[in-house]
């Protein structure tokens, strides 16, 4: 039974979430024409919150990219914590609770602290609003809140993940980070960042600061050329790092994580040297990484990326494979990870298994670039889906949304039926090219649309109860919000 104090805190926290939700605008992520104006306002907001000096003195690692930036930040935070540094990590989006975005020493901020810091910032900014200076938008406020939290908590290092792009991102209000990183670049958020890799790379390179060292991973030629040009103009020493050796154990699963881990190692190595904590073993010696790096890499943890979670009601019959992939390149990485997990499970488990896809993506993405890559890469790895399930992306299980959670397709299933038609056309095309039915006699795989995620989970459980000899292996992907909704639902 909750105490009176716990009840008061819960009510205060819910009121805080309601206030935060008031900053969400439906046109938020599409309003690219006033990005520059909104970005300039950030400097005013910092002044109102009396954070200018504190932010200028912070020791910051700043990371942008299309995919892998959250994993890179997570690896970096874990490594630096192993050195005894008090860390502040700001990432996005959250899966279940907005407090996931703010981590102190690897632990999300408490409800009590979140409420206190939120109220301090919200009310100060509210007092200074006008027609010319409105309240910050949702993500801008969260970035400001992160600076307030990390300044007051006096962290030794701040690891900042860029939210969107780089040049006009709210995190880019910082003037002098210790080191910058650019993870893998690809096509995403093109309605804001541009429709070519060169345009996208130019936006990401907006986090480069004069004289501040920067690292990136191998990129497509078009993107790399732009990164190098931007770095040269600012006299930035831009270095390209290679993936870590696959013999190194990582806390985050998937082959692509070795690329992100390699970037994190370079960022942390430079950071430690810049602040005067250089490991005596060095990082280029034949004896490998220092122990603290190894420990940090192996203990890193990030919700929603390559997670394997048994169903809470039927753990032996249903296992969920969760990955918030939502770009063409991350779809392929997700497919490879899922396929390897399935093969490993088949070697250990005698029970017959069936693979099921549970999918949705935001309507601003092009599913014809996502589903074919996912399906073909799985088939290349010897894994095929028996059934596919499509659900809406927005559900009541997400505590507080973000601007990216406001989807024009919400409230209608037309988007989901479109995904289903695309999936079935892929299946028919494969059957035609093979000129035969499934070799196991299963015929064309089946697909379904449900009006909500809870209904889809109920359907999975009903089928599992009727098929005791079959284990359902459900890949949940296409959207981090979908992954978050499922985690909240199955853990209730």
Protein backbone atom coordinates (compact mmCIF):
# COMPACT_ATOMS: atom_id res chain seq x y z
CA UNK A 1 0.00 0.00 0.00
CA UNK A 2 1.41 3.40 -0.99
CA UNK A 3 2.19 5.87 1.80
CA UNK A 4 0.77 9.39 1.79
CA UNK A 5 4.16 10.81 0.77
CA UNK A 6 4.42 8.31 -2.11
CA UNK A 7 0.92 9.25 -3.23
CA UNK A 8 1.79 12.95 -3.17
CA UNK A 9 4.95 12.32 -5.19
CA UNK A 10 3.06 10.24 -7.74
CA UNK A 11 0.48 13.00 -8.17
CA UNK A 12 3.21 15.64 -8.47
CA UNK A 13 5.01 13.55 -11.06
CA UNK A 14 1.86 13.10 -13.12
CA UNK A 15 1.21 16.85 -12.96
CA UNK A 16 4.78 17.39 -14.15
CA UNK A 17 4.24 15.05 -17.10
CA UNK A 18 1.05 16.91 -17.97
CA UNK A 19 2.94 20.21 -17.97
CA UNK A 20 5.68 18.69 -20.12
CA UNK A 21 3.10 17.38 -22.57
CA UNK A 22 1.80 20.92 -23.02
CA UNK A 23 5.05 21.72 -24.84
CA UNK A 24 4.38 19.14 -27.55
CA UNK A 25 3.24 20.61 -30.84
CA UNK A 26 1.83 18.52 -33.67
CA UNK A 27 3.78 20.48 -36.21
CA UNK A 28 6.99 20.31 -34.16
CA UNK A 29 9.12 17.99 -36.24
CA UNK A 30 7.86 19.30 -39.56
CA UNK A 31 8.43 23.01 -38.93
CA UNK A 32 11.88 23.27 -40.46
CA UNK A 33 11.46 26.84 -41.65
CA UNK A 34 11.93 28.36 -38.18
CA UNK A 35 14.70 26.11 -36.88
CA UNK A 36 17.21 28.95 -36.91
CA UNK A 37 14.94 31.24 -34.87
CA UNK A 38 14.17 28.55 -32.31
CA UNK A 39 17.85 27.73 -32.00
CA UNK A 40 18.76 31.37 -31.27
CA UNK A 41 16.14 31.44 -28.52
CA UNK A 42 18.05 28.72 -26.67
CA UNK A 43 20.73 31.22 -25.68
CA UNK A 44 18.02 33.42 -24.16
CA UNK A 45 16.59 30.44 -22.26
CA UNK A 46 20.02 29.60 -20.84
CA UNK A 47 20.31 33.17 -19.60
CA UNK A 48 16.87 33.04 -17.96
CA UNK A 49 17.84 29.81 -16.19
CA UNK A 50 21.21 31.30 -15.17
CA UNK A 51 23.02 28.38 -16.80
CA UNK A 52 25.36 30.22 -19.16
CA UNK A 53 28.49 29.93 -16.98
CA UNK A 54 27.71 26.40 -15.82
CA UNK A 55 27.26 25.11 -19.37
CA UNK A 56 30.41 26.86 -20.58
CA UNK A 57 32.41 25.06 -17.88
CA UNK A 58 30.99 21.58 -18.51
CA UNK A 59 33.28 18.89 -19.89
CA UNK A 60 31.19 17.49 -22.74
CA UNK A 61 31.29 14.67 -25.27
CA UNK A 62 28.88 15.53 -28.12
CA UNK A 63 27.67 12.83 -30.53
CA UNK A 64 25.55 13.16 -33.69
CA UNK A 65 24.70 10.65 -36.41
CA UNK A 66 21.87 8.82 -38.12
CA UNK A 67 22.22 5.50 -36.35
CA UNK A 68 24.36 4.29 -33.50
CA UNK A 69 24.73 7.60 -31.68
CA UNK A 70 22.71 6.44 -28.67
CA UNK A 71 24.75 3.24 -28.42
CA UNK A 72 27.99 5.19 -28.79
CA UNK A 73 26.98 7.52 -25.96
CA UNK A 74 26.00 4.57 -23.80
CA UNK A 75 29.35 2.84 -24.34
CA UNK A 76 31.21 6.10 -23.61
CA UNK A 77 29.28 6.76 -20.40
CA UNK A 78 29.91 3.23 -19.15
CA UNK A 79 33.65 3.47 -19.86
CA UNK A 80 34.07 6.83 -18.11
CA UNK A 81 32.10 5.65 -15.10
CA UNK A 82 34.65 2.87 -14.73
CA UNK A 83 37.28 5.59 -14.30
CA UNK A 84 35.43 6.89 -11.26
CA UNK A 85 34.02 9.93 -13.03
CA UNK A 86 30.56 11.15 -12.09
CA UNK A 87 28.67 10.96 -15.37
CA UNK A 88 25.63 12.70 -16.81
CA UNK A 89 24.07 11.08 -19.89
CA UNK A 90 21.36 12.71 -22.00
CA UNK A 91 19.79 10.54 -24.72
CA UNK A 92 16.56 10.30 -26.69
CA UNK A 93 13.94 9.14 -27.21
CA UNK A 94 12.70 7.37 -24.09
CA UNK A 95 10.83 4.07 -24.26
CA UNK A 96 8.67 3.92 -21.15
CA UNK A 97 9.41 6.89 -18.92
CA UNK A 98 10.82 10.31 -19.85
CA UNK A 99 13.30 10.05 -16.97
CA UNK A 100 15.25 7.48 -19.00
CA UNK A 101 16.69 10.42 -20.94
CA UNK A 102 18.54 11.73 -17.88
CA UNK A 103 21.04 9.39 -16.26
CA UNK A 104 23.34 10.16 -13.36
CA UNK A 105 26.11 7.60 -12.95
CA UNK A 106 24.18 5.23 -15.20
CA UNK A 107 20.91 5.46 -13.26
CA UNK A 108 17.86 7.36 -14.48
CA UNK A 109 16.98 10.37 -12.35
CA UNK A 110 14.48 9.79 -9.54
CA UNK A 111 10.91 11.05 -9.73
CA UNK A 112 11.52 13.40 -6.82
CA UNK A 113 14.55 15.06 -8.40
CA UNK A 114 12.89 15.19 -11.81
CA UNK A 115 9.88 17.03 -10.37
CA UNK A 116 12.08 19.51 -8.48
CA UNK A 117 14.32 20.34 -11.44
CA UNK A 118 11.40 20.46 -13.85
CA UNK A 119 9.38 22.87 -11.73
CA UNK A 120 12.38 25.15 -11.25
CA UNK A 121 13.01 25.41 -15.01
CA UNK A 122 9.38 25.44 -16.13
CA UNK A 123 8.27 28.24 -13.83
CA UNK A 124 11.32 30.42 -14.49
CA UNK A 125 10.79 30.15 -18.23
CA UNK A 126 7.03 30.60 -17.95
CA UNK A 127 7.53 33.92 -16.16
CA UNK A 128 9.58 35.24 -19.08
CA UNK A 129 7.36 34.15 -21.97
CA UNK A 130 5.90 36.61 -24.45
CA UNK A 131 4.71 36.70 -28.05
CA UNK A 132 8.31 37.18 -29.14
CA UNK A 133 9.75 34.61 -26.72
CA UNK A 134 7.39 31.63 -26.32
CA UNK A 135 8.01 28.61 -24.11
CA UNK A 136 10.62 26.19 -25.49
CA UNK A 137 9.34 23.30 -27.54
CA UNK A 138 9.32 19.82 -26.01
CA UNK A 139 12.82 18.64 -26.93
CA UNK A 140 14.39 22.07 -26.38
CA UNK A 141 12.99 22.11 -22.86
CA UNK A 142 14.32 18.61 -22.17
CA UNK A 143 17.80 19.66 -23.31
CA UNK A 144 17.67 22.72 -21.05
CA UNK A 145 16.47 20.53 -18.22
CA UNK A 146 19.43 18.20 -18.79
CA UNK A 147 21.84 21.13 -18.46
CA UNK A 148 20.12 22.19 -15.23
CA UNK A 149 20.31 18.67 -13.79
CA UNK A 150 23.93 18.08 -14.71
CA UNK A 151 25.05 21.51 -13.52
CA UNK A 152 23.36 21.18 -10.14
CA UNK A 153 24.50 17.58 -9.67
CA UNK A 154 28.06 18.68 -10.49
CA UNK A 155 28.90 15.81 -12.84
CA UNK A 156 32.48 15.39 -14.08
CA UNK A 157 31.49 14.65 -17.66
CA UNK A 158 28.36 15.18 -19.75
CA UNK A 159 27.65 12.85 -22.68
CA UNK A 160 25.16 14.51 -25.03
CA UNK A 161 23.33 12.66 -27.78
CA UNK A 162 22.04 14.97 -30.51
CA UNK A 163 18.28 14.73 -30.92
CA UNK A 164 17.85 15.60 -34.59
CA UNK A 165 20.44 16.70 -37.11
CA UNK A 166 23.10 18.73 -35.35
CA UNK A 167 23.41 22.30 -36.58
CA UNK A 168 20.12 23.52 -35.09
CA UNK A 169 19.70 20.79 -32.47
CA UNK A 170 19.04 22.05 -28.95
CA UNK A 171 22.13 20.27 -27.62
CA UNK A 172 24.28 22.31 -30.01
CA UNK A 173 23.87 25.38 -27.81
CA UNK A 174 27.16 24.27 -26.20
CA UNK A 175 30.17 26.23 -27.42
CA UNK A 176 33.23 24.17 -26.52
CA UNK A 177 32.88 20.40 -26.03
CA UNK A 178 35.99 18.38 -25.24
CA UNK A 179 35.47 16.07 -28.22
CA UNK A 180 32.81 15.39 -30.88
CA UNK A 181 31.70 12.23 -32.64
CA UNK A 182 29.68 11.43 -35.77
CA UNK A 183 28.26 7.91 -35.92
CA UNK A 184 27.08 6.18 -39.12
CA UNK A 185 25.16 8.41 -41.52
CA UNK A 186 22.21 7.42 -43.65
CA UNK A 187 18.79 8.55 -44.85
CA UNK A 188 16.49 9.60 -42.01
CA UNK A 189 14.46 12.70 -41.07
CA UNK A 190 14.93 13.80 -44.67
CA UNK A 191 11.97 16.20 -44.53
CA UNK A 192 14.12 18.32 -42.20
CA UNK A 193 17.76 17.42 -42.92
CA UNK A 194 17.74 17.07 -46.69
CA UNK A 195 17.33 14.36 -49.29
CA UNK A 196 20.99 13.68 -50.10
CA UNK A 197 23.75 12.26 -47.94
CA UNK A 198 25.72 15.45 -48.54
CA UNK A 199 22.93 17.60 -47.08
CA UNK A 200 22.45 15.26 -44.14
CA UNK A 201 26.19 15.16 -43.44
CA UNK A 202 26.34 18.96 -43.50
CA UNK A 203 23.65 19.16 -40.81
CA UNK A 204 25.38 16.56 -38.63
CA UNK A 205 28.75 18.30 -39.04
CA UNK A 206 27.10 21.36 -37.52
CA UNK A 207 28.28 20.13 -34.11
CA UNK A 208 31.94 20.61 -35.09
CA UNK A 209 33.59 23.43 -33.15
CA UNK A 210 36.79 25.23 -34.09
CA UNK A 211 39.84 23.40 -32.78
CA UNK A 212 37.82 20.66 -31.03
CA UNK A 213 38.96 17.14 -32.01
CA UNK A 214 36.35 14.97 -33.72
CA UNK A 215 35.96 11.34 -34.74
CA UNK A 216 33.75 9.50 -37.16
CA UNK A 217 33.33 5.99 -38.51
CA UNK A 218 33.76 4.94 -42.16
CA UNK A 219 31.06 6.74 -44.16
CA UNK A 220 29.76 6.67 -47.76
CA UNK A 221 32.03 8.80 -49.96
CA UNK A 222 29.44 11.54 -50.45
CA UNK A 223 28.99 11.98 -46.70
CA UNK A 224 32.69 11.66 -45.83
CA UNK A 225 33.64 14.34 -48.33
CA UNK A 226 31.30 16.84 -46.66
CA UNK A 227 32.45 15.93 -43.13
CA UNK A 228 36.08 16.49 -44.13
CA UNK A 229 35.28 19.81 -45.81
CA UNK A 230 33.42 21.12 -42.77
CA UNK A 231 36.20 19.92 -40.46
CA UNK A 232 38.88 21.57 -42.58
CA UNK A 233 37.13 24.95 -42.54
CA UNK A 234 36.98 24.90 -38.74
CA UNK A 235 40.50 23.49 -38.31
CA UNK A 236 39.02 20.39 -36.69
CA UNK A 237 41.23 17.33 -36.50
CA UNK A 238 38.76 14.75 -37.85
CA UNK A 239 39.87 11.12 -37.56
CA UNK A 240 38.16 8.00 -38.89
CA UNK A 241 38.03 5.06 -36.48
CA UNK A 242 37.54 1.41 -37.35
CA UNK A 243 35.29 -1.11 -35.57
CA UNK A 244 36.61 -2.88 -32.49
CA UNK A 245 37.81 -6.44 -32.88
CA UNK A 246 34.83 -8.79 -32.60
CA UNK A 247 36.60 -10.79 -29.90
CA UNK A 248 35.79 -7.99 -27.46
CA UNK A 249 32.64 -8.72 -25.44
CA UNK A 250 30.05 -5.94 -25.62
CA UNK A 251 27.06 -5.24 -23.42
CA UNK A 252 25.02 -4.23 -26.48
CA UNK A 253 24.34 -7.00 -28.97
CA UNK A 254 24.76 -6.99 -32.75
CA UNK A 255 27.69 -6.85 -35.16
CA UNK A 256 27.06 -3.14 -35.83
CA UNK A 257 27.82 -2.38 -32.20
CA UNK A 258 31.54 -2.99 -32.77
CA UNK A 259 31.52 0.11 -34.97
CA UNK A 260 29.80 2.16 -32.28
CA UNK A 261 32.12 0.76 -29.62
CA UNK A 262 35.16 1.74 -31.69
CA UNK A 263 33.88 5.31 -31.89
CA UNK A 264 33.20 5.36 -28.13
CA UNK A 265 36.73 4.14 -27.38
CA UNK A 266 38.23 6.94 -29.50
CA UNK A 267 36.03 9.57 -27.84
CA UNK A 268 36.83 8.36 -24.32
CA UNK A 269 40.56 8.03 -25.03
CA UNK A 270 40.70 11.63 -26.24
CA UNK A 271 38.51 12.87 -23.39
CA UNK A 272 40.69 11.21 -20.74
CA UNK A 273 43.83 12.68 -22.28
CA UNK A 274 42.29 16.16 -22.51
CA UNK A 275 41.35 16.20 -18.82
CA UNK A 276 44.65 14.67 -17.73
CA UNK A 277 43.62 11.08 -16.98
CA UNK A 278 45.61 9.14 -19.53
CA UNK A 279 45.76 5.41 -19.00
CA UNK A 280 49.38 4.30 -18.78
CA UNK A 281 48.73 1.17 -20.82
CA UNK A 282 47.81 3.30 -23.83
CA UNK A 283 45.20 2.36 -26.40
CA UNK A 284 47.40 1.50 -29.36
CA UNK A 285 49.48 -1.16 -27.70
CA UNK A 286 49.46 -4.80 -28.69
CA UNK A 287 48.25 -5.73 -25.21
CA UNK A 288 44.78 -4.43 -26.09
CA UNK A 289 42.37 -2.12 -24.32
CA UNK A 290 42.82 -1.08 -20.69
CA UNK A 291 40.77 -3.07 -18.20
CA UNK A 292 38.48 -0.12 -17.43
CA UNK A 293 37.59 0.19 -21.12
CA UNK A 294 36.90 -3.54 -21.33
CA UNK A 295 34.70 -3.41 -18.25
CA UNK A 296 32.79 -0.38 -19.51
CA UNK A 297 32.15 -1.89 -22.93
CA UNK A 298 30.98 -5.21 -21.55
CA UNK A 299 28.63 -3.68 -18.96
CA UNK A 300 26.96 -1.06 -21.18
CA UNK A 301 23.18 -1.31 -21.29
CA UNK A 302 20.57 0.45 -23.41
CA UNK A 303 16.87 -0.32 -23.39
CA UNK A 304 15.22 -1.03 -26.71
CA UNK A 305 18.31 -2.10 -28.62
CA UNK A 306 18.76 -5.81 -29.29
CA UNK A 307 16.81 -6.94 -26.24
CA UNK A 308 15.44 -10.46 -25.69
CA UNK A 309 12.44 -10.47 -23.34
CA UNK A 310 10.19 -13.47 -22.53
CA UNK A 311 6.46 -12.80 -22.34
CA UNK A 312 5.34 -12.14 -18.75
CA UNK A 313 2.39 -14.55 -18.97
CA UNK A 314 3.82 -17.26 -21.26
CA UNK A 315 7.63 -17.07 -20.95
CA UNK A 316 8.18 -20.55 -22.41
CA UNK A 317 5.84 -20.05 -25.36
CA UNK A 318 6.55 -16.44 -26.45
CA UNK A 319 9.86 -14.59 -26.59
CA UNK A 320 10.10 -11.01 -27.88
CA UNK A 321 13.18 -9.77 -29.74
CA UNK A 322 13.11 -6.00 -29.41
CA UNK A 323 15.03 -3.56 -31.54
CA UNK A 324 14.02 0.01 -32.32
CA UNK A 325 15.53 0.00 -35.83
CA UNK A 326 13.83 2.56 -38.08
CA UNK A 327 16.24 3.28 -40.95
CA UNK A 328 17.14 1.08 -43.93
CA UNK A 329 20.66 0.40 -42.63
CA UNK A 330 19.53 -0.35 -39.08
CA UNK A 331 16.88 -2.71 -40.48
CA UNK A 332 19.64 -4.83 -42.00
CA UNK A 333 21.61 -4.79 -38.75
CA UNK A 334 18.46 -5.79 -36.86
CA UNK A 335 17.81 -8.65 -39.30
CA UNK A 336 21.33 -10.02 -38.87
CA UNK A 337 21.10 -9.82 -35.08
CA UNK A 338 17.66 -11.48 -34.99
CA UNK A 339 18.74 -14.25 -37.36
CA UNK A 340 21.80 -15.06 -35.26
CA UNK A 341 19.68 -15.16 -32.11
CA UNK A 342 17.24 -17.55 -33.77
CA UNK A 343 20.00 -19.90 -34.93
CA UNK A 344 21.60 -19.95 -31.49
CA UNK A 345 18.24 -20.69 -29.89
CA UNK A 346 17.56 -23.56 -32.30
CA UNK A 347 20.84 -25.17 -31.31
CA UNK A 348 19.92 -25.02 -27.60
CA UNK A 349 16.19 -25.70 -27.73
CA UNK A 350 14.49 -28.79 -29.10
CA UNK A 351 11.07 -27.14 -29.23
CA UNK A 352 9.85 -26.17 -32.71
CA UNK A 353 9.82 -22.41 -33.20
CA UNK A 354 8.03 -19.97 -35.48
CA UNK A 355 9.19 -16.47 -36.29
CA UNK A 356 6.61 -13.67 -36.25
CA UNK A 357 7.12 -10.02 -37.16
CA UNK A 358 5.39 -7.33 -35.08
CA UNK A 359 5.92 -4.05 -36.91
CA UNK A 360 5.03 -0.45 -37.36
CA UNK A 361 6.96 2.62 -38.47
CA UNK A 362 6.16 6.31 -38.46
CA UNK A 363 4.28 7.58 -41.50
CA UNK A 364 7.13 10.00 -42.31
CA UNK A 365 9.32 6.99 -43.12
CA UNK A 366 9.22 5.00 -46.36
CA UNK A 367 8.32 1.39 -45.53
CA UNK A 368 9.39 0.31 -49.03
CA UNK A 369 12.94 1.06 -47.88
CA UNK A 370 12.52 -0.79 -44.57
CA UNK A 371 10.47 -3.97 -44.94
CA UNK A 372 12.22 -5.34 -48.06
CA UNK A 373 15.65 -4.96 -46.42
CA UNK A 374 14.48 -6.60 -43.23
CA UNK A 375 12.80 -9.49 -45.00
CA UNK A 376 15.51 -10.20 -47.59
CA UNK A 377 18.33 -10.01 -45.05
CA UNK A 378 16.54 -12.48 -42.75
CA UNK A 379 15.95 -14.85 -45.68
CA UNK A 380 19.61 -14.54 -46.67
CA UNK A 381 20.43 -15.69 -43.13
CA UNK A 382 18.05 -18.66 -43.40
CA UNK A 383 15.24 -17.16 -41.31
CA UNK A 384 11.72 -16.55 -42.64
CA UNK A 385 8.63 -15.18 -40.92
CA UNK A 386 5.61 -17.44 -40.57
CA UNK A 387 3.32 -14.49 -39.85
CA UNK A 388 3.47 -10.70 -39.73
CA UNK A 389 1.42 -8.41 -37.51
CA UNK A 390 0.93 -4.67 -38.02
CA UNK A 391 -0.33 -2.32 -35.29
CA UNK A 392 -0.69 1.43 -34.70
CA UNK A 393 2.39 3.21 -33.43
CA UNK A 394 0.68 5.26 -30.74
CA UNK A 395 -0.87 3.57 -27.72
CA UNK A 396 -2.04 4.54 -24.26
CA UNK A 397 0.98 2.82 -22.75
CA UNK A 398 3.45 5.63 -23.46
CA UNK A 399 3.63 7.93 -20.41
CA UNK A 400 4.49 11.12 -22.22
CA UNK A 401 5.08 11.44 -25.91
CA UNK A 402 7.57 13.43 -27.87
CA UNK A 403 6.96 15.58 -30.90
CA UNK A 404 8.01 12.60 -32.99
CA UNK A 405 5.23 10.59 -31.36
CA UNK A 406 2.51 12.69 -32.97
CA UNK A 407 1.85 10.69 -36.10
CA UNK A 408 -0.63 11.87 -38.73
CA UNK A 409 -1.67 8.24 -39.21
CA UNK A 410 -2.83 7.90 -35.59
CA UNK A 411 -6.54 7.08 -35.26
CA UNK A 412 -6.71 5.35 -38.63
CA UNK A 413 -5.56 1.91 -39.72
CA UNK A 414 -4.99 2.91 -43.33
CA UNK A 415 -1.24 3.11 -42.71
CA UNK A 416 -1.15 -0.36 -41.17
CA UNK A 417 -3.14 -1.86 -44.05
CA UNK A 418 -0.66 -0.25 -46.43
CA UNK A 419 2.20 -1.95 -44.56
CA UNK A 420 0.34 -5.24 -44.79
CA UNK A 421 -0.13 -4.88 -48.56
CA UNK A 422 3.55 -4.13 -49.00
CA UNK A 423 4.51 -7.17 -46.94
CA UNK A 424 2.18 -9.46 -48.89
CA UNK A 425 3.48 -8.15 -52.21
CA UNK A 426 7.01 -9.02 -51.07
CA UNK A 427 5.85 -12.54 -50.21
CA UNK A 428 4.14 -12.96 -53.59
CA UNK A 429 7.20 -11.68 -55.40
CA UNK A 430 9.45 -14.16 -53.64
CA UNK A 431 7.06 -17.03 -54.33
CA UNK A 432 6.92 -16.07 -58.01
CA UNK A 433 10.69 -15.75 -58.34
CA UNK A 434 11.17 -19.10 -56.64
CA UNK A 435 8.43 -20.60 -58.84
CA UNK A 436 7.40 -22.83 -55.96
CA UNK A 437 5.73 -22.82 -52.55
CA UNK A 438 7.54 -22.74 -49.27
CA UNK A 439 9.86 -25.72 -49.04
CA UNK A 440 8.32 -26.68 -45.69
CA UNK A 441 4.85 -26.77 -47.15
CA UNK A 442 3.75 -23.70 -45.21
CA UNK A 443 2.61 -21.80 -48.28
CA UNK A 444 2.49 -18.03 -48.39
CA UNK A 445 2.99 -16.46 -44.97
CA UNK A 446 0.00 -14.80 -43.30
CA UNK A 447 -0.30 -11.21 -42.16
CA UNK A 448 -2.70 -9.40 -39.86
CA UNK A 449 -3.64 -5.87 -38.82
CA UNK A 450 -4.82 -5.10 -35.27
CA UNK A 451 -6.31 -1.84 -34.06
CA UNK A 452 -4.09 -1.78 -30.96
CA UNK A 453 -0.96 -3.35 -29.56
CA UNK A 454 -2.79 -4.97 -26.58
CA UNK A 455 -5.10 -6.77 -29.03
CA UNK A 456 -2.10 -8.07 -30.96
CA UNK A 457 -0.46 -9.36 -27.76
CA UNK A 458 -3.73 -11.05 -26.72
CA UNK A 459 -3.87 -12.72 -30.13
CA UNK A 460 -0.29 -13.96 -29.77
CA UNK A 461 -1.02 -15.38 -26.33
CA UNK A 462 -4.21 -17.11 -27.50
CA UNK A 463 -2.32 -18.75 -30.35
CA UNK A 464 0.51 -19.77 -28.04
CA UNK A 465 -1.90 -21.44 -25.63
CA UNK A 466 -3.34 -23.45 -28.52
CA UNK A 467 0.08 -24.45 -29.86
CA UNK A 468 1.91 -25.76 -26.82
CA UNK A 469 4.57 -27.49 -28.92
CA UNK A 470 5.57 -24.30 -30.72
CA UNK A 471 7.62 -21.42 -29.39
CA UNK A 472 6.80 -18.03 -30.91
CA UNK A 473 9.83 -15.83 -31.54
CA UNK A 474 8.47 -12.34 -32.15
CA UNK A 475 10.65 -9.64 -33.69
CA UNK A 476 9.34 -6.21 -32.63
CA UNK A 477 10.87 -3.44 -34.71
CA UNK A 478 10.31 -0.40 -36.92
CA UNK A 479 9.87 2.15 -34.12
CA UNK A 480 11.40 2.80 -30.70
CA UNK A 481 7.97 3.92 -29.51
CA UNK A 482 6.49 0.57 -30.48
CA UNK A 483 9.26 -1.19 -28.53
CA UNK A 484 8.58 1.03 -25.51
CA UNK A 485 4.85 0.38 -25.68
CA UNK A 486 5.42 -3.37 -25.77
CA UNK A 487 7.85 -3.31 -22.84
CA UNK A 488 5.36 -1.41 -20.73
CA UNK A 489 2.52 -3.72 -21.74
CA UNK A 490 4.19 -7.09 -21.13
CA UNK A 491 5.75 -5.98 -17.83
CA UNK A 492 2.50 -4.74 -16.31
